Amino acid sequence: MLQDRDSLDDLRMYRRRLWVDLKARTGFDCRPSMALVEEDIVAIEAGLESLSGRVGG
């Protein structure tokens, strides 16, 4: 389970950096991509929450 948590943490941090990079872009409308990245972050955080809620995991 620890590997699952570490992998999800890494993925969440990557997505957060990606969101910041998209927000900093000029000359492009990155809002649709940013919305998708936000959805990913929400799903990843839900996965982390489910791992935290497991007994013995």
PDB file of N, CA and C in Angstrom:
ATOM      1  N   MET A   1       0.806  -1.202   0.000  1.00  0.00           N
ATOM      2  CA  MET A   1       0.000   0.000   0.000  1.00  0.00           C
ATOM      3  C   MET A   1       0.852   1.270   0.000  1.00  0.00           C
ATOM      4  N   LEU A   2       2.015   1.195   0.628  1.00  0.00           N
ATOM      5  CA  LEU A   2       2.852   2.380   0.706  1.00  0.00           C
ATOM      6  C   LEU A   2       3.292   2.823  -0.686  1.00  0.00           C
ATOM      7  N   GLN A   3       3.580   1.852  -1.552  1.00  0.00           N
ATOM      8  CA  GLN A   3       3.952   2.207  -2.920  1.00  0.00           C
ATOM      9  C   GLN A   3       2.800   2.897  -3.636  1.00  0.00           C
ATOM     10  N   ASP A   4       1.571   2.444  -3.391  1.00  0.00           N
ATOM     11  CA  ASP A   4       0.404   3.081  -3.999  1.00  0.00           C
ATOM     12  C   ASP A   4       0.308   4.533  -3.555  1.00  0.00           C
ATOM     13  N   ARG A   5       0.472   4.754  -2.270  1.00  0.00           N
ATOM     14  CA  ARG A   5       0.389   6.113  -1.721  1.00  0.00           C
ATOM     15  C   ARG A   5       1.493   6.984  -2.296  1.00  0.00           C
ATOM     16  N   ASP A   6       2.717   6.474  -2.323  1.00  0.00           N
ATOM     17  CA  ASP A   6       3.840   7.237  -2.864  1.00  0.00           C
ATOM     18  C   ASP A   6       3.612   7.576  -4.336  1.00  0.00           C
ATOM     19  N   SER A   7       3.121   6.630  -5.091  1.00  0.00           N
ATOM     20  CA  SER A   7       2.857   6.868  -6.513  1.00  0.00           C
ATOM     21  C   SER A   7       1.785   7.936  -6.702  1.00  0.00           C
ATOM     22  N   LEU A   8       0.731   7.853  -5.915  1.00  0.00           N
ATOM     23  CA  LEU A   8      -0.331   8.854  -6.016  1.00  0.00           C
ATOM     24  C   LEU A   8       0.152  10.227  -5.567  1.00  0.00           C
ATOM     25  N   ASP A   9       0.971  10.268  -4.520  1.00  0.00           N
ATOM     26  CA  ASP A   9       1.544  11.549  -4.080  1.00  0.00           C
ATOM     27  C   ASP A   9       2.394  12.161  -5.187  1.00  0.00           C
ATOM     28  N   ASP A  10       3.217  11.345  -5.823  1.00  0.00           N
ATOM     29  CA  ASP A  10       4.058  11.834  -6.924  1.00  0.00           C
ATOM     30  C   ASP A  10       3.198  12.356  -8.072  1.00  0.00           C
ATOM     31  N   LEU A  11       2.155  11.614  -8.400  1.00  0.00           N
ATOM     32  CA  LEU A  11       1.265  12.012  -9.477  1.00  0.00           C
ATOM     33  C   LEU A  11       0.555  13.328  -9.146  1.00  0.00           C
ATOM     34  N   ARG A  12       0.120  13.457  -7.908  1.00  0.00           N
ATOM     35  CA  ARG A  12      -0.557  14.691  -7.481  1.00  0.00           C
ATOM     36  C   ARG A  12       0.387  15.879  -7.576  1.00  0.00           C
ATOM     37  N   MET A  13       1.626  15.719  -7.131  1.00  0.00           N
ATOM     38  CA  MET A  13       2.591  16.818  -7.190  1.00  0.00           C
ATOM     39  C   MET A  13       2.902  17.190  -8.643  1.00  0.00           C
ATOM     40  N   TYR A  14       3.005  16.196  -9.506  1.00  0.00           N
ATOM     41  CA  TYR A  14       3.237  16.471 -10.925  1.00  0.00           C
ATOM     42  C   TYR A  14       2.071  17.280 -11.505  1.00  0.00           C
ATOM     43  N   ARG A  15       0.854  16.842 -11.192  1.00  0.00           N
ATOM     44  CA  ARG A  15      -0.325  17.551 -11.711  1.00  0.00           C
ATOM     45  C   ARG A  15      -0.394  18.976 -11.166  1.00  0.00           C
ATOM     46  N   ARG A  16      -0.038  19.193  -9.911  1.00  0.00           N
ATOM     47  CA  ARG A  16      -0.042  20.554  -9.345  1.00  0.00           C
ATOM     48  C   ARG A  16       0.978  21.442 -10.058  1.00  0.00           C
ATOM     49  N   ARG A  17       2.171  20.892 -10.328  1.00  0.00           N
ATOM     50  CA  ARG A  17       3.184  21.677 -11.054  1.00  0.00           C
ATOM     51  C   ARG A  17       2.707  21.977 -12.477  1.00  0.00           C
ATOM     52  N   LEU A  18       2.075  20.998 -13.102  1.00  0.00           N
ATOM     53  CA  LEU A  18       1.541  21.197 -14.443  1.00  0.00           C
ATOM     54  C   LEU A  18       0.501  22.312 -14.441  1.00  0.00           C
ATOM     55  N   TRP A  19      -0.390  22.325 -13.448  1.00  0.00           N
ATOM     56  CA  TRP A  19      -1.423  23.349 -13.356  1.00  0.00           C
ATOM     57  C   TRP A  19      -0.787  24.737 -13.233  1.00  0.00           C
ATOM     58  N   VAL A  20       0.233  24.852 -12.387  1.00  0.00           N
ATOM     59  CA  VAL A  20       0.926  26.133 -12.208  1.00  0.00           C
ATOM     60  C   VAL A  20       1.592  26.567 -13.518  1.00  0.00           C
ATOM     61  N   ASP A  21       2.216  25.624 -14.200  1.00  0.00           N
ATOM     62  CA  ASP A  21       2.853  25.941 -15.487  1.00  0.00           C
ATOM     63  C   ASP A  21       1.822  26.409 -16.508  1.00  0.00           C
ATOM     64  N   LEU A  22       0.682  25.749 -16.553  1.00  0.00           N
ATOM     65  CA  LEU A  22      -0.372  26.160 -17.485  1.00  0.00           C
ATOM     66  C   LEU A  22      -0.898  27.551 -17.147  1.00  0.00           C
ATOM     67  N   LYS A  23      -1.051  27.820 -15.870  1.00  0.00           N
ATOM     68  CA  LYS A  23      -1.564  29.125 -15.437  1.00  0.00           C
ATOM     69  C   LYS A  23      -0.605  30.243 -15.832  1.00  0.00           C
ATOM     70  N   ALA A  24       0.694  29.962 -15.831  1.00  0.00           N
ATOM     71  CA  ALA A  24       1.700  30.972 -16.138  1.00  0.00           C
ATOM     72  C   ALA A  24       1.831  31.249 -17.643  1.00  0.00           C
ATOM     73  N   ARG A  25       1.262  30.404 -18.470  1.00  0.00           N
ATOM     74  CA  ARG A  25       1.382  30.585 -19.921  1.00  0.00           C
ATOM     75  C   ARG A  25       0.634  31.821 -20.368  1.00  0.00           C
ATOM     76  N   THR A  26       1.216  32.512 -21.310  1.00  0.00           N
ATOM     77  CA  THR A  26       0.547  33.666 -21.904  1.00  0.00           C
ATOM     78  C   THR A  26       0.375  33.405 -23.391  1.00  0.00           C
ATOM     79  N   GLY A  27      -0.635  34.015 -23.962  1.00  0.00           N
ATOM     80  CA  GLY A  27      -0.883  33.866 -25.381  1.00  0.00           C
ATOM     81  C   GLY A  27      -1.721  32.662 -25.757  1.00  0.00           C
ATOM     82  N   PHE A  28      -2.073  31.850 -24.774  1.00  0.00           N
ATOM     83  CA  PHE A  28      -2.896  30.663 -25.011  1.00  0.00           C
ATOM     84  C   PHE A  28      -4.003  30.623 -23.968  1.00  0.00           C
ATOM     85  N   ASP A  29      -5.149  30.097 -24.350  1.00  0.00           N
ATOM     86  CA  ASP A  29      -6.219  29.874 -23.384  1.00  0.00           C
ATOM     87  C   ASP A  29      -6.062  28.457 -22.837  1.00  0.00           C
ATOM     88  N   CYS A  30      -5.458  28.355 -21.671  1.00  0.00           N
ATOM     89  CA  CYS A  30      -5.182  27.054 -21.074  1.00  0.00           C
ATOM     90  C   CYS A  30      -6.266  26.610 -20.098  1.00  0.00           C
ATOM     91  N   ARG A  31      -7.340  27.386 -20.001  1.00  0.00           N
ATOM     92  CA  ARG A  31      -8.387  27.042 -19.033  1.00  0.00           C
ATOM     93  C   ARG A  31      -8.970  25.642 -19.217  1.00  0.00           C
ATOM     94  N   PRO A  32      -9.221  25.192 -20.446  1.00  0.00           N
ATOM     95  CA  PRO A  32      -9.738  23.819 -20.578  1.00  0.00           C
ATOM     96  C   PRO A  32      -8.754  22.769 -20.055  1.00  0.00           C
ATOM     97  N   SER A  33      -7.486  22.951 -20.359  1.00  0.00           N
ATOM     98  CA  SER A  33      -6.472  22.012 -19.857  1.00  0.00           C
ATOM     99  C   SER A  33      -6.351  22.098 -18.352  1.00  0.00           C
ATOM    100  N   MET A  34      -6.410  23.301 -17.815  1.00  0.00           N
ATOM    101  CA  MET A  34      -6.330  23.489 -16.368  1.00  0.00           C
ATOM    102  C   MET A  34      -7.502  22.798 -15.677  1.00  0.00           C
ATOM    103  N   ALA A  35      -8.681  22.876 -16.275  1.00  0.00           N
ATOM    104  CA  ALA A  35      -9.857  22.214 -15.695  1.00  0.00           C
ATOM    105  C   ALA A  35      -9.665  20.703 -15.657  1.00  0.00           C
ATOM    106  N   LEU A  36      -9.091  20.143 -16.716  1.00  0.00           N
ATOM    107  CA  LEU A  36      -8.837  18.701 -16.739  1.00  0.00           C
ATOM    108  C   LEU A  36      -7.810  18.299 -15.684  1.00  0.00           C
ATOM    109  N   VAL A  37      -6.783  19.114 -15.529  1.00  0.00           N
ATOM    110  CA  VAL A  37      -5.766  18.828 -14.521  1.00  0.00           C
ATOM    111  C   VAL A  37      -6.383  18.905 -13.118  1.00  0.00           C
ATOM    112  N   GLU A  38      -7.263  19.884 -12.905  1.00  0.00           N
ATOM    113  CA  GLU A  38      -7.953  19.992 -11.614  1.00  0.00           C
ATOM    114  C   GLU A  38      -8.791  18.746 -11.342  1.00  0.00           C
ATOM    115  N   GLU A  39      -9.469  18.239 -12.364  1.00  0.00           N
ATOM    116  CA  GLU A  39     -10.249  17.010 -12.200  1.00  0.00           C
ATOM    117  C   GLU A  39      -9.342  15.845 -11.820  1.00  0.00           C
ATOM    118  N   ASP A  40      -8.185  15.772 -12.454  1.00  0.00           N
ATOM    119  CA  ASP A  40      -7.208  14.731 -12.110  1.00  0.00           C
ATOM    120  C   ASP A  40      -6.797  14.836 -10.647  1.00  0.00           C
ATOM    121  N   ILE A  41      -6.520  16.043 -10.204  1.00  0.00           N
ATOM    122  CA  ILE A  41      -6.084  16.257  -8.824  1.00  0.00           C
ATOM    123  C   ILE A  41      -7.165  15.804  -7.846  1.00  0.00           C
ATOM    124  N   VAL A  42      -8.413  16.135  -8.144  1.00  0.00           N
ATOM    125  CA  VAL A  42      -9.528  15.722  -7.285  1.00  0.00           C
ATOM    126  C   VAL A  42      -9.609  14.199  -7.218  1.00  0.00           C
ATOM    127  N   ALA A  43      -9.468  13.543  -8.367  1.00  0.00           N
ATOM    128  CA  ALA A  43      -9.537  12.078  -8.402  1.00  0.00           C
ATOM    129  C   ALA A  43      -8.368  11.452  -7.647  1.00  0.00           C
ATOM    130  N   ILE A  44      -7.182  12.014  -7.811  1.00  0.00           N
ATOM    131  CA  ILE A  44      -6.005  11.499  -7.109  1.00  0.00           C
ATOM    132  C   ILE A  44      -6.176  11.659  -5.607  1.00  0.00           C
ATOM    133  N   GLU A  45      -6.672  12.820  -5.179  1.00  0.00           N
ATOM    134  CA  GLU A  45      -6.887  13.045  -3.752  1.00  0.00           C
ATOM    135  C   GLU A  45      -7.943  12.096  -3.188  1.00  0.00           C
ATOM    136  N   ALA A  46      -8.953  11.769  -3.985  1.00  0.00           N
ATOM    137  CA  ALA A  46      -9.950  10.788  -3.550  1.00  0.00           C
ATOM    138  C   ALA A  46      -9.297   9.417  -3.375  1.00  0.00           C
ATOM    139  N   GLY A  47      -8.395   9.075  -4.286  1.00  0.00           N
ATOM    140  CA  GLY A  47      -7.667   7.815  -4.157  1.00  0.00           C
ATOM    141  C   GLY A  47      -6.808   7.786  -2.905  1.00  0.00           C
ATOM    142  N   LEU A  48      -6.137   8.889  -2.623  1.00  0.00           N
ATOM    143  CA  LEU A  48      -5.334   8.966  -1.397  1.00  0.00           C
ATOM    144  C   LEU A  48      -6.204   8.841  -0.162  1.00  0.00           C
ATOM    145  N   GLU A  49      -7.366   9.461  -0.206  1.00  0.00           N
ATOM    146  CA  GLU A  49      -8.296   9.395   0.926  1.00  0.00           C
ATOM    147  C   GLU A  49      -8.773   7.958   1.133  1.00  0.00           C
ATOM    148  N   SER A  50      -9.042   7.261   0.041  1.00  0.00           N
ATOM    149  CA  SER A  50      -9.506   5.881   0.190  1.00  0.00           C
ATOM    150  C   SER A  50      -8.410   4.993   0.756  1.00  0.00           C
ATOM    151  N   LEU A  51      -7.160   5.271   0.398  1.00  0.00           N
ATOM    152  CA  LEU A  51      -6.058   4.508   0.989  1.00  0.00           C
ATOM    153  C   LEU A  51      -5.904   4.810   2.482  1.00  0.00           C
ATOM    154  N   SER A  52      -6.133   6.054   2.852  1.00  0.00           N
ATOM    155  CA  SER A  52      -6.023   6.441   4.259  1.00  0.00           C
ATOM    156  C   SER A  52      -7.118   5.814   5.092  1.00  0.00           C
ATOM    157  N   GLY A  53      -8.276   5.584   4.463  1.00  0.00           N
ATOM    158  CA  GLY A  53      -9.402   5.027   5.198  1.00  0.00           C
ATOM    159  C   GLY A  53      -9.379   3.528   5.359  1.00  0.00           C
ATOM    160  N   ARG A  54      -8.452   2.860   4.706  1.00  0.00           N
ATOM    161  CA  ARG A  54      -8.392   1.400   4.782  1.00  0.00           C
ATOM    162  C   ARG A  54      -7.820   0.945   6.121  1.00  0.00           C
ATOM    163  N   VAL A  55      -8.460  -0.027   6.680  1.00  0.00           N
ATOM    164  CA  VAL A  55      -7.953  -0.621   7.922  1.00  0.00           C
ATOM    165  C   VAL A  55      -6.796  -1.534   7.571  1.00  0.00           C
ATOM    166  N   GLY A  56      -5.684  -1.340   8.255  1.00  0.00           N
ATOM    167  CA  GLY A  56      -4.507  -2.155   7.995  1.00  0.00           C
ATOM    168  C   GLY A  56      -3.764  -1.784   6.739  1.00  0.00           C
ATOM    169  N   GLY A  57      -4.157  -0.666   6.093  1.00  0.00           N
ATOM    170  CA  GLY A  57      -3.495  -0.273   4.855  1.00  0.00           C
ATOM    171  C   GLY A  57      -2.986   1.043   4.935  1.00  0.00           C
TER     172      GLY A  57
END
